């Protein structure tokens, strides 16, 4: 399963610049956990995709992303699925390639999608990872570096798929080797920051302070995801299990009725157990 946001609109093409639809469109991304085939089906039926956001899709609201897409729009064989599928990185780590809405047989255009084994929760780290992957493909579109960027689906697209996942550890290894070959500049953002690494690099606060902040961000559409993130932060901050349970109970009681179905104590404790189990 991969964390990815899918837009509710099934589009036949691109939305024109300045169209009144843009505001509603940016509000319609739904945070989901999907299998690769479900992602491919969403693309094939014309649904745009992006990383997870809290509310409207913009950089300030970015939460995480578990995919990196590389746009190939050179209008020649470099952007053809038959050629891209033979690239070593694609064969080893890419989950899929799909043709884009502007693709034709004469002017091929495609997008490579890498699904990660863990989400990246830092917008800067995602950008660093994206820049690296783009650098590995001749003619890749260098504009697609914003962590909040969305990508259009493509109705009836040609889609190539493989049972691949790109591990963050491997991505980090390749990134560091690549960085050594680049001209020296200001210290780069560490690539592939995960939920745990993000928590460890953050000034720690008490569970009570933290839960109040999390509650203020909760809404019906993200309370469950925030609950899991909160549990991971408690774990990575080294909070004893007993204290963590009290904090989770406080969160559960505050957000219990923010949605069609109650967020129960059992669900909150299962979330906490899952987070702490994965930490070992």
C-alpha atoms as a PDB file:
ATOM      1  CA  UNK A   1       0.000   0.000   0.000  1.00  0.00           C
ATOM      2  CA  UNK A   2       1.192   3.515  -0.785  1.00  0.00           C
ATOM      3  CA  UNK A   3       0.006   6.810   0.658  1.00  0.00           C
ATOM      4  CA  UNK A   4      -1.164   8.988  -2.219  1.00  0.00           C
ATOM      5  CA  UNK A   5      -3.867  11.617  -2.750  1.00  0.00           C
ATOM      6  CA  UNK A   6      -6.310  11.108  -5.618  1.00  0.00           C
ATOM      7  CA  UNK A   7      -8.495  13.893  -6.990  1.00  0.00           C
ATOM      8  CA  UNK A   8     -12.242  13.317  -7.103  1.00  0.00           C
ATOM      9  CA  UNK A   9     -12.545  14.723 -10.633  1.00  0.00           C
ATOM     10  CA  UNK A  10     -12.087  12.402 -13.610  1.00  0.00           C
ATOM     11  CA  UNK A  11     -10.744  14.731 -16.298  1.00  0.00           C
ATOM     12  CA  UNK A  12     -10.483  14.266 -20.054  1.00  0.00           C
ATOM     13  CA  UNK A  13      -7.574  16.717 -20.283  1.00  0.00           C
ATOM     14  CA  UNK A  14      -5.994  19.651 -18.487  1.00  0.00           C
ATOM     15  CA  UNK A  15      -7.788  22.521 -16.741  1.00  0.00           C
ATOM     16  CA  UNK A  16      -7.169  25.809 -18.609  1.00  0.00           C
ATOM     17  CA  UNK A  17      -5.127  28.486 -16.762  1.00  0.00           C
ATOM     18  CA  UNK A  18      -7.383  30.890 -14.859  1.00  0.00           C
ATOM     19  CA  UNK A  19     -10.381  28.553 -14.950  1.00  0.00           C
ATOM     20  CA  UNK A  20     -12.780  28.970 -12.014  1.00  0.00           C
ATOM     21  CA  UNK A  21     -12.554  25.236 -11.440  1.00  0.00           C
ATOM     22  CA  UNK A  22      -9.042  25.475  -9.958  1.00  0.00           C
ATOM     23  CA  UNK A  23     -10.093  26.309  -6.399  1.00  0.00           C
ATOM     24  CA  UNK A  24     -12.545  23.427  -6.169  1.00  0.00           C
ATOM     25  CA  UNK A  25     -10.095  21.095  -7.913  1.00  0.00           C
ATOM     26  CA  UNK A  26      -7.356  21.812  -5.345  1.00  0.00           C
ATOM     27  CA  UNK A  27      -9.816  21.052  -2.526  1.00  0.00           C
ATOM     28  CA  UNK A  28     -10.794  17.686  -3.984  1.00  0.00           C
ATOM     29  CA  UNK A  29      -7.626  15.651  -3.348  1.00  0.00           C
ATOM     30  CA  UNK A  30      -8.396  12.752  -1.015  1.00  0.00           C
ATOM     31  CA  UNK A  31      -5.624  11.161   1.066  1.00  0.00           C
ATOM     32  CA  UNK A  32      -5.649   7.397   0.497  1.00  0.00           C
ATOM     33  CA  UNK A  33      -3.696   4.179   1.008  1.00  0.00           C
ATOM     34  CA  UNK A  34      -3.743   2.345  -2.322  1.00  0.00           C
ATOM     35  CA  UNK A  35      -2.235  -0.673  -4.020  1.00  0.00           C
ATOM     36  CA  UNK A  36      -0.223   0.011  -7.213  1.00  0.00           C
ATOM     37  CA  UNK A  37      -3.018  -1.389  -9.400  1.00  0.00           C
ATOM     38  CA  UNK A  38      -5.518   0.969  -7.745  1.00  0.00           C
ATOM     39  CA  UNK A  39      -3.205   3.916  -8.432  1.00  0.00           C
ATOM     40  CA  UNK A  40      -2.859   2.829 -12.051  1.00  0.00           C
ATOM     41  CA  UNK A  41      -6.629   2.519 -12.391  1.00  0.00           C
ATOM     42  CA  UNK A  42      -7.120   6.032 -10.996  1.00  0.00           C
ATOM     43  CA  UNK A  43      -4.658   7.392 -13.545  1.00  0.00           C
ATOM     44  CA  UNK A  44      -6.284   5.422 -16.394  1.00  0.00           C
ATOM     45  CA  UNK A  45      -9.709   6.849 -15.510  1.00  0.00           C
ATOM     46  CA  UNK A  46      -8.396  10.434 -15.538  1.00  0.00           C
ATOM     47  CA  UNK A  47      -7.862  11.236 -11.859  1.00  0.00           C
ATOM     48  CA  UNK A  48      -4.976  13.510 -10.894  1.00  0.00           C
ATOM     49  CA  UNK A  49      -2.678  12.495  -8.036  1.00  0.00           C
ATOM     50  CA  UNK A  50      -0.422  14.208  -5.495  1.00  0.00           C
ATOM     51  CA  UNK A  51       1.102  13.796  -2.045  1.00  0.00           C
ATOM     52  CA  UNK A  52      -0.946  14.058   1.132  1.00  0.00           C
ATOM     53  CA  UNK A  53      -2.018  17.519   2.295  1.00  0.00           C
ATOM     54  CA  UNK A  54      -3.981  18.888   5.219  1.00  0.00           C
ATOM     55  CA  UNK A  55      -6.795  20.691   3.444  1.00  0.00           C
ATOM     56  CA  UNK A  56      -6.220  22.504   0.162  1.00  0.00           C
ATOM     57  CA  UNK A  57      -3.304  21.328  -1.936  1.00  0.00           C
ATOM     58  CA  UNK A  58      -0.455  23.809  -1.471  1.00  0.00           C
ATOM     59  CA  UNK A  59       3.087  23.688  -0.132  1.00  0.00           C
ATOM     60  CA  UNK A  60       2.179  25.002   3.318  1.00  0.00           C
ATOM     61  CA  UNK A  61      -0.292  22.143   3.768  1.00  0.00           C
ATOM     62  CA  UNK A  62       2.061  19.379   2.563  1.00  0.00           C
ATOM     63  CA  UNK A  63       2.154  16.377   4.923  1.00  0.00           C
ATOM     64  CA  UNK A  64       3.943  13.556   3.137  1.00  0.00           C
ATOM     65  CA  UNK A  65       4.496  11.821  -0.185  1.00  0.00           C
ATOM     66  CA  UNK A  66       5.252   8.181  -0.954  1.00  0.00           C
ATOM     67  CA  UNK A  67       5.781   8.583  -4.667  1.00  0.00           C
ATOM     68  CA  UNK A  68       8.145  10.530  -6.916  1.00  0.00           C
ATOM     69  CA  UNK A  69       7.160  11.145 -10.538  1.00  0.00           C
ATOM     70  CA  UNK A  70       9.500  12.045 -13.386  1.00  0.00           C
ATOM     71  CA  UNK A  71       7.943  13.787 -16.389  1.00  0.00           C
ATOM     72  CA  UNK A  72       9.332  12.965 -19.820  1.00  0.00           C
ATOM     73  CA  UNK A  73       7.979  15.277 -22.524  1.00  0.00           C
ATOM     74  CA  UNK A  74      10.810  15.399 -25.059  1.00  0.00           C
ATOM     75  CA  UNK A  75       8.448  14.387 -27.885  1.00  0.00           C
ATOM     76  CA  UNK A  76      10.915  11.786 -29.125  1.00  0.00           C
ATOM     77  CA  UNK A  77      11.976   8.236 -28.325  1.00  0.00           C
ATOM     78  CA  UNK A  78      13.452   9.325 -24.971  1.00  0.00           C
ATOM     79  CA  UNK A  79       9.858   9.705 -23.735  1.00  0.00           C
ATOM     80  CA  UNK A  80       8.564   6.436 -25.185  1.00  0.00           C
ATOM     81  CA  UNK A  81       7.518   3.698 -22.762  1.00  0.00           C
ATOM     82  CA  UNK A  82       9.436   1.091 -24.785  1.00  0.00           C
ATOM     83  CA  UNK A  83      12.674   3.031 -24.236  1.00  0.00           C
ATOM     84  CA  UNK A  84      12.064   4.186 -20.653  1.00  0.00           C
ATOM     85  CA  UNK A  85      11.176   0.676 -19.490  1.00  0.00           C
ATOM     86  CA  UNK A  86      14.717  -0.444 -20.366  1.00  0.00           C
ATOM     87  CA  UNK A  87      16.379   2.189 -18.167  1.00  0.00           C
ATOM     88  CA  UNK A  88      18.271   0.519 -15.318  1.00  0.00           C
ATOM     89  CA  UNK A  89      16.605   2.598 -12.583  1.00  0.00           C
ATOM     90  CA  UNK A  90      13.185   1.902 -14.057  1.00  0.00           C
ATOM     91  CA  UNK A  91      13.777  -1.829 -14.379  1.00  0.00           C
ATOM     92  CA  UNK A  92      15.044  -1.989 -10.794  1.00  0.00           C
ATOM     93  CA  UNK A  93      12.840   0.454  -8.909  1.00  0.00           C
ATOM     94  CA  UNK A  94       9.994   2.054 -10.917  1.00  0.00           C
ATOM     95  CA  UNK A  95       6.437   0.882 -10.244  1.00  0.00           C
ATOM     96  CA  UNK A  96       4.866   2.186 -13.435  1.00  0.00           C
ATOM     97  CA  UNK A  97       5.114   4.392 -16.499  1.00  0.00           C
ATOM     98  CA  UNK A  98       2.059   5.960 -18.090  1.00  0.00           C
ATOM     99  CA  UNK A  99       1.485   8.124 -21.120  1.00  0.00           C
ATOM    100  CA  UNK A 100       0.300  11.667 -20.337  1.00  0.00           C
ATOM    101  CA  UNK A 101      -2.732  13.517 -21.774  1.00  0.00           C
ATOM    102  CA  UNK A 102      -0.602  15.273 -24.422  1.00  0.00           C
ATOM    103  CA  UNK A 103       0.998  12.031 -25.661  1.00  0.00           C
ATOM    104  CA  UNK A 104       0.704  10.962 -29.294  1.00  0.00           C
ATOM    105  CA  UNK A 105       2.450   8.254 -31.260  1.00  0.00           C
ATOM    106  CA  UNK A 106       4.373  10.925 -33.162  1.00  0.00           C
ATOM    107  CA  UNK A 107       5.241  12.993 -30.076  1.00  0.00           C
ATOM    108  CA  UNK A 108       5.529  10.541 -27.169  1.00  0.00           C
ATOM    109  CA  UNK A 109       5.217  11.817 -23.610  1.00  0.00           C
ATOM    110  CA  UNK A 110       5.246   9.720 -20.457  1.00  0.00           C
ATOM    111  CA  UNK A 111       5.635   9.839 -16.700  1.00  0.00           C
ATOM    112  CA  UNK A 112       7.684   7.443 -14.565  1.00  0.00           C
ATOM    113  CA  UNK A 113       6.384   6.767 -11.053  1.00  0.00           C
ATOM    114  CA  UNK A 114       8.583   5.487  -8.246  1.00  0.00           C
ATOM    115  CA  UNK A 115       6.706   4.198  -5.179  1.00  0.00           C
ATOM    116  CA  UNK A 116       8.725   4.384  -1.944  1.00  0.00           C
ATOM    117  CA  UNK A 117       8.775   1.877   0.894  1.00  0.00           C
ATOM    118  CA  UNK A 118       8.164   4.733   3.373  1.00  0.00           C
ATOM    119  CA  UNK A 119       6.681   8.220   2.986  1.00  0.00           C
ATOM    120  CA  UNK A 120       8.871  11.340   2.944  1.00  0.00           C
ATOM    121  CA  UNK A 121       7.428  13.937   5.341  1.00  0.00           C
ATOM    122  CA  UNK A 122       9.754  16.858   4.599  1.00  0.00           C
ATOM    123  CA  UNK A 123       8.946  18.988   1.542  1.00  0.00           C
ATOM    124  CA  UNK A 124      12.614  19.941   1.159  1.00  0.00           C
ATOM    125  CA  UNK A 125      13.765  16.330   1.360  1.00  0.00           C
ATOM    126  CA  UNK A 126      11.172  15.310  -1.225  1.00  0.00           C
ATOM    127  CA  UNK A 127      12.430  18.055  -3.531  1.00  0.00           C
ATOM    128  CA  UNK A 128      16.035  16.860  -3.122  1.00  0.00           C
ATOM    129  CA  UNK A 129      15.006  13.291  -3.972  1.00  0.00           C
ATOM    130  CA  UNK A 130      13.009  14.457  -6.990  1.00  0.00           C
ATOM    131  CA  UNK A 131      15.897  16.558  -8.327  1.00  0.00           C
ATOM    132  CA  UNK A 132      18.207  13.549  -8.071  1.00  0.00           C
ATOM    133  CA  UNK A 133      15.838  11.182  -9.889  1.00  0.00           C
ATOM    134  CA  UNK A 134      15.181  13.739 -12.630  1.00  0.00           C
ATOM    135  CA  UNK A 135      18.928  14.061 -13.164  1.00  0.00           C
ATOM    136  CA  UNK A 136      19.091  10.386 -14.113  1.00  0.00           C
ATOM    137  CA  UNK A 137      16.881  10.758 -17.200  1.00  0.00           C
ATOM    138  CA  UNK A 138      17.915  12.568 -20.360  1.00  0.00           C
ATOM    139  CA  UNK A 139      15.400  15.329 -21.076  1.00  0.00           C
ATOM    140  CA  UNK A 140      13.352  15.030 -17.868  1.00  0.00           C
ATOM    141  CA  UNK A 141      11.155  18.037 -17.116  1.00  0.00           C
ATOM    142  CA  UNK A 142      13.025  20.002 -14.432  1.00  0.00           C
ATOM    143  CA  UNK A 143       9.960  21.989 -13.348  1.00  0.00           C
ATOM    144  CA  UNK A 144       8.349  19.173 -11.344  1.00  0.00           C
ATOM    145  CA  UNK A 145      10.257  19.777  -8.081  1.00  0.00           C
ATOM    146  CA  UNK A 146       7.551  21.150  -5.796  1.00  0.00           C
ATOM    147  CA  UNK A 147       6.446  18.660  -3.120  1.00  0.00           C
ATOM    148  CA  UNK A 148       2.857  19.888  -3.404  1.00  0.00           C
ATOM    149  CA  UNK A 149       2.788  19.431  -7.185  1.00  0.00           C
ATOM    150  CA  UNK A 150       0.022  17.314  -8.661  1.00  0.00           C
ATOM    151  CA  UNK A 151       0.163  15.217 -11.807  1.00  0.00           C
ATOM    152  CA  UNK A 152      -2.728  14.773 -14.204  1.00  0.00           C
ATOM    153  CA  UNK A 153      -4.182  11.358 -14.797  1.00  0.00           C
ATOM    154  CA  UNK A 154      -4.641  10.284 -18.403  1.00  0.00           C
ATOM    155  CA  UNK A 155      -7.842   8.604 -19.580  1.00  0.00           C
ATOM    156  CA  UNK A 156      -7.174   5.363 -21.430  1.00  0.00           C
ATOM    157  CA  UNK A 157      -3.427   5.833 -21.036  1.00  0.00           C
ATOM    158  CA  UNK A 158      -0.896   3.193 -21.955  1.00  0.00           C
ATOM    159  CA  UNK A 159       0.501   1.931 -18.651  1.00  0.00           C
ATOM    160  CA  UNK A 160       3.584  -0.208 -18.028  1.00  0.00           C
ATOM    161  CA  UNK A 161       3.795  -1.770 -14.557  1.00  0.00           C
ATOM    162  CA  UNK A 162       6.368  -3.703 -12.564  1.00  0.00           C
ATOM    163  CA  UNK A 163       6.356  -5.124  -9.004  1.00  0.00           C
ATOM    164  CA  UNK A 164       9.020  -2.629  -7.873  1.00  0.00           C
ATOM    165  CA  UNK A 165       9.447  -0.451  -4.805  1.00  0.00           C
ATOM    166  CA  UNK A 166      12.213   2.108  -4.249  1.00  0.00           C
ATOM    167  CA  UNK A 167      13.602   1.695  -0.693  1.00  0.00           C
ATOM    168  CA  UNK A 168      14.506   4.984   0.972  1.00  0.00           C
ATOM    169  CA  UNK A 169      17.798   3.506   2.150  1.00  0.00           C
ATOM    170  CA  UNK A 170      18.753   2.742  -1.443  1.00  0.00           C
ATOM    171  CA  UNK A 171      17.574   6.144  -2.649  1.00  0.00           C
ATOM    172  CA  UNK A 172      19.688   7.803   0.035  1.00  0.00           C
ATOM    173  CA  UNK A 173      22.727   5.749  -1.007  1.00  0.00           C
ATOM    174  CA  UNK A 174      22.412   6.714  -4.673  1.00  0.00           C
ATOM    175  CA  UNK A 175      21.730  10.351  -3.767  1.00  0.00           C
ATOM    176  CA  UNK A 176      24.894  10.650  -1.697  1.00  0.00           C
ATOM    177  CA  UNK A 177      27.027   9.134  -4.464  1.00  0.00           C
ATOM    178  CA  UNK A 178      25.468  11.510  -6.993  1.00  0.00           C
ATOM    179  CA  UNK A 179      25.945  14.509  -4.700  1.00  0.00           C
ATOM    180  CA  UNK A 180      29.701  13.913  -4.606  1.00  0.00           C
ATOM    181  CA  UNK A 181      29.822  14.521  -8.362  1.00  0.00           C
ATOM    182  CA  UNK A 182      27.974  17.854  -8.176  1.00  0.00           C
ATOM    183  CA  UNK A 183      29.560  21.339  -7.932  1.00  0.00           C
ATOM    184  CA  UNK A 184      29.969  22.424  -4.314  1.00  0.00           C
ATOM    185  CA  UNK A 185      27.250  24.679  -2.969  1.00  0.00           C
ATOM    186  CA  UNK A 186      25.467  25.279   0.310  1.00  0.00           C
ATOM    187  CA  UNK A 187      24.894  22.143   2.419  1.00  0.00           C
ATOM    188  CA  UNK A 188      22.010  20.217   0.860  1.00  0.00           C
ATOM    189  CA  UNK A 189      18.885  19.049   2.589  1.00  0.00           C
ATOM    190  CA  UNK A 190      19.275  15.394   3.636  1.00  0.00           C
ATOM    191  CA  UNK A 191      17.262  13.336   1.188  1.00  0.00           C
ATOM    192  CA  UNK A 192      14.445  10.961   2.020  1.00  0.00           C
ATOM    193  CA  UNK A 193      13.501  12.180   5.482  1.00  0.00           C
ATOM    194  CA  UNK A 194      11.031   9.691   6.933  1.00  0.00           C
ATOM    195  CA  UNK A 195       8.396  10.148   9.599  1.00  0.00           C
ATOM    196  CA  UNK A 196      10.834   8.898  12.258  1.00  0.00           C
ATOM    197  CA  UNK A 197      13.761  11.019  11.077  1.00  0.00           C
ATOM    198  CA  UNK A 198      11.522  14.084  10.908  1.00  0.00           C
ATOM    199  CA  UNK A 199      10.457  13.541  14.510  1.00  0.00           C
ATOM    200  CA  UNK A 200      14.037  13.026  15.718  1.00  0.00           C
ATOM    201  CA  UNK A 201      15.112  16.321  14.126  1.00  0.00           C
ATOM    202  CA  UNK A 202      12.294  18.251  15.782  1.00  0.00           C
ATOM    203  CA  UNK A 203      12.529  19.932  19.188  1.00  0.00           C
ATOM    204  CA  UNK A 204      10.719  17.604  21.542  1.00  0.00           C
ATOM    205  CA  UNK A 205       7.766  18.788  23.592  1.00  0.00           C
ATOM    206  CA  UNK A 206       5.771  17.087  26.302  1.00  0.00           C
ATOM    207  CA  UNK A 207       2.951  14.704  25.287  1.00  0.00           C
ATOM    208  CA  UNK A 208       0.364  17.137  26.700  1.00  0.00           C
ATOM    209  CA  UNK A 209       1.719  20.039  24.651  1.00  0.00           C
ATOM    210  CA  UNK A 210       1.925  17.904  21.565  1.00  0.00           C
ATOM    211  CA  UNK A 211      -1.560  16.434  21.797  1.00  0.00           C
ATOM    212  CA  UNK A 212      -3.081  19.931  22.066  1.00  0.00           C
ATOM    213  CA  UNK A 213      -1.305  20.900  18.849  1.00  0.00           C
ATOM    214  CA  UNK A 214      -2.456  17.732  17.068  1.00  0.00           C
ATOM    215  CA  UNK A 215      -6.059  18.199  18.186  1.00  0.00           C
ATOM    216  CA  UNK A 216      -6.051  21.728  16.765  1.00  0.00           C
ATOM    217  CA  UNK A 217      -5.116  20.288  13.349  1.00  0.00           C
ATOM    218  CA  UNK A 218      -7.602  17.417  13.346  1.00  0.00           C
ATOM    219  CA  UNK A 219     -10.599  17.323  11.039  1.00  0.00           C
ATOM    220  CA  UNK A 220     -12.986  14.646   9.851  1.00  0.00           C
ATOM    221  CA  UNK A 221     -10.899  13.949   6.775  1.00  0.00           C
ATOM    222  CA  UNK A 222      -7.559  13.457   8.503  1.00  0.00           C
ATOM    223  CA  UNK A 223      -8.152  12.501  12.142  1.00  0.00           C
ATOM    224  CA  UNK A 224      -7.129   8.848  11.620  1.00  0.00           C
ATOM    225  CA  UNK A 225      -3.971   9.746   9.700  1.00  0.00           C
ATOM    226  CA  UNK A 226      -3.051  12.369  12.301  1.00  0.00           C
ATOM    227  CA  UNK A 227      -3.635   9.790  15.024  1.00  0.00           C
ATOM    228  CA  UNK A 228      -1.105   7.434  13.469  1.00  0.00           C
ATOM    229  CA  UNK A 229       1.389  10.259  12.898  1.00  0.00           C
ATOM    230  CA  UNK A 230       0.931  11.341  16.533  1.00  0.00           C
ATOM    231  CA  UNK A 231       1.579   7.780  17.730  1.00  0.00           C
ATOM    232  CA  UNK A 232       4.793   7.637  15.656  1.00  0.00           C
ATOM    233  CA  UNK A 233       5.994  10.937  17.121  1.00  0.00           C
ATOM    234  CA  UNK A 234       5.351   9.692  20.668  1.00  0.00           C
ATOM    235  CA  UNK A 235       7.299   6.531  19.862  1.00  0.00           C
ATOM    236  CA  UNK A 236      10.224   8.334  18.244  1.00  0.00           C
ATOM    237  CA  UNK A 237      10.428  10.870  21.065  1.00  0.00           C
ATOM    238  CA  UNK A 238      10.985   7.970  23.449  1.00  0.00           C
ATOM    239  CA  UNK A 239       7.742   8.537  25.375  1.00  0.00           C
ATOM    240  CA  UNK A 240       7.029   5.545  27.663  1.00  0.00           C
ATOM    241  CA  UNK A 241       4.097   3.427  26.539  1.00  0.00           C
ATOM    242  CA  UNK A 242       1.957   4.349  29.566  1.00  0.00           C
ATOM    243  CA  UNK A 243       2.318   8.097  28.962  1.00  0.00           C
ATOM    244  CA  UNK A 244       1.721   7.587  25.254  1.00  0.00           C
ATOM    245  CA  UNK A 245      -1.538   5.773  25.977  1.00  0.00           C
ATOM    246  CA  UNK A 246      -2.784   8.684  28.086  1.00  0.00           C
ATOM    247  CA  UNK A 247      -1.932  11.124  25.303  1.00  0.00           C
ATOM    248  CA  UNK A 248      -3.693   8.943  22.728  1.00  0.00           C
ATOM    249  CA  UNK A 249      -6.778   8.684  24.945  1.00  0.00           C
ATOM    250  CA  UNK A 250      -6.882  12.480  25.147  1.00  0.00           C
ATOM    251  CA  UNK A 251      -6.607  12.753  21.364  1.00  0.00           C
ATOM    252  CA  UNK A 252      -9.261  10.073  20.819  1.00  0.00           C
ATOM    253  CA  UNK A 253     -11.771  11.772  23.117  1.00  0.00           C
ATOM    254  CA  UNK A 254     -11.237  15.146  21.411  1.00  0.00           C
ATOM    255  CA  UNK A 255     -11.691  13.893  17.832  1.00  0.00           C
ATOM    256  CA  UNK A 256     -14.089  10.980  18.474  1.00  0.00           C
ATOM    257  CA  UNK A 257     -17.038  12.539  16.636  1.00  0.00           C
ATOM    258  CA  UNK A 258     -15.164  14.347  13.857  1.00  0.00           C
ATOM    259  CA  UNK A 259     -16.544  12.164  11.111  1.00  0.00           C
ATOM    260  CA  UNK A 260     -19.379   9.909  10.072  1.00  0.00           C
ATOM    261  CA  UNK A 261     -18.150   7.067  12.296  1.00  0.00           C
ATOM    262  CA  UNK A 262     -16.770   7.425  15.832  1.00  0.00           C
ATOM    263  CA  UNK A 263     -13.017   7.210  16.383  1.00  0.00           C
ATOM    264  CA  UNK A 264     -13.067   4.663  19.212  1.00  0.00           C
ATOM    265  CA  UNK A 265     -10.674   3.971  22.087  1.00  0.00           C
ATOM    266  CA  UNK A 266     -10.025   0.532  20.597  1.00  0.00           C
ATOM    267  CA  UNK A 267      -9.006   2.067  17.273  1.00  0.00           C
ATOM    268  CA  UNK A 268      -6.751   4.602  18.977  1.00  0.00           C
ATOM    269  CA  UNK A 269      -4.995   1.924  21.026  1.00  0.00           C
ATOM    270  CA  UNK A 270      -4.564  -0.327  17.991  1.00  0.00           C
ATOM    271  CA  UNK A 271      -2.953   2.613  16.199  1.00  0.00           C
ATOM    272  CA  UNK A 272      -0.585   3.166  19.109  1.00  0.00           C
ATOM    273  CA  UNK A 273       0.335  -0.511  19.322  1.00  0.00           C
ATOM    274  CA  UNK A 274       0.993  -0.609  15.588  1.00  0.00           C
ATOM    275  CA  UNK A 275       3.290   2.426  15.758  1.00  0.00           C
ATOM    276  CA  UNK A 276       5.253   1.162  18.752  1.00  0.00           C
ATOM    277  CA  UNK A 277       5.559  -2.321  17.252  1.00  0.00           C
ATOM    278  CA  UNK A 278       7.032  -0.908  14.030  1.00  0.00           C
ATOM    279  CA  UNK A 279       9.549   1.029  16.075  1.00  0.00           C
ATOM    280  CA  UNK A 280      11.329  -2.156  17.207  1.00  0.00           C
END
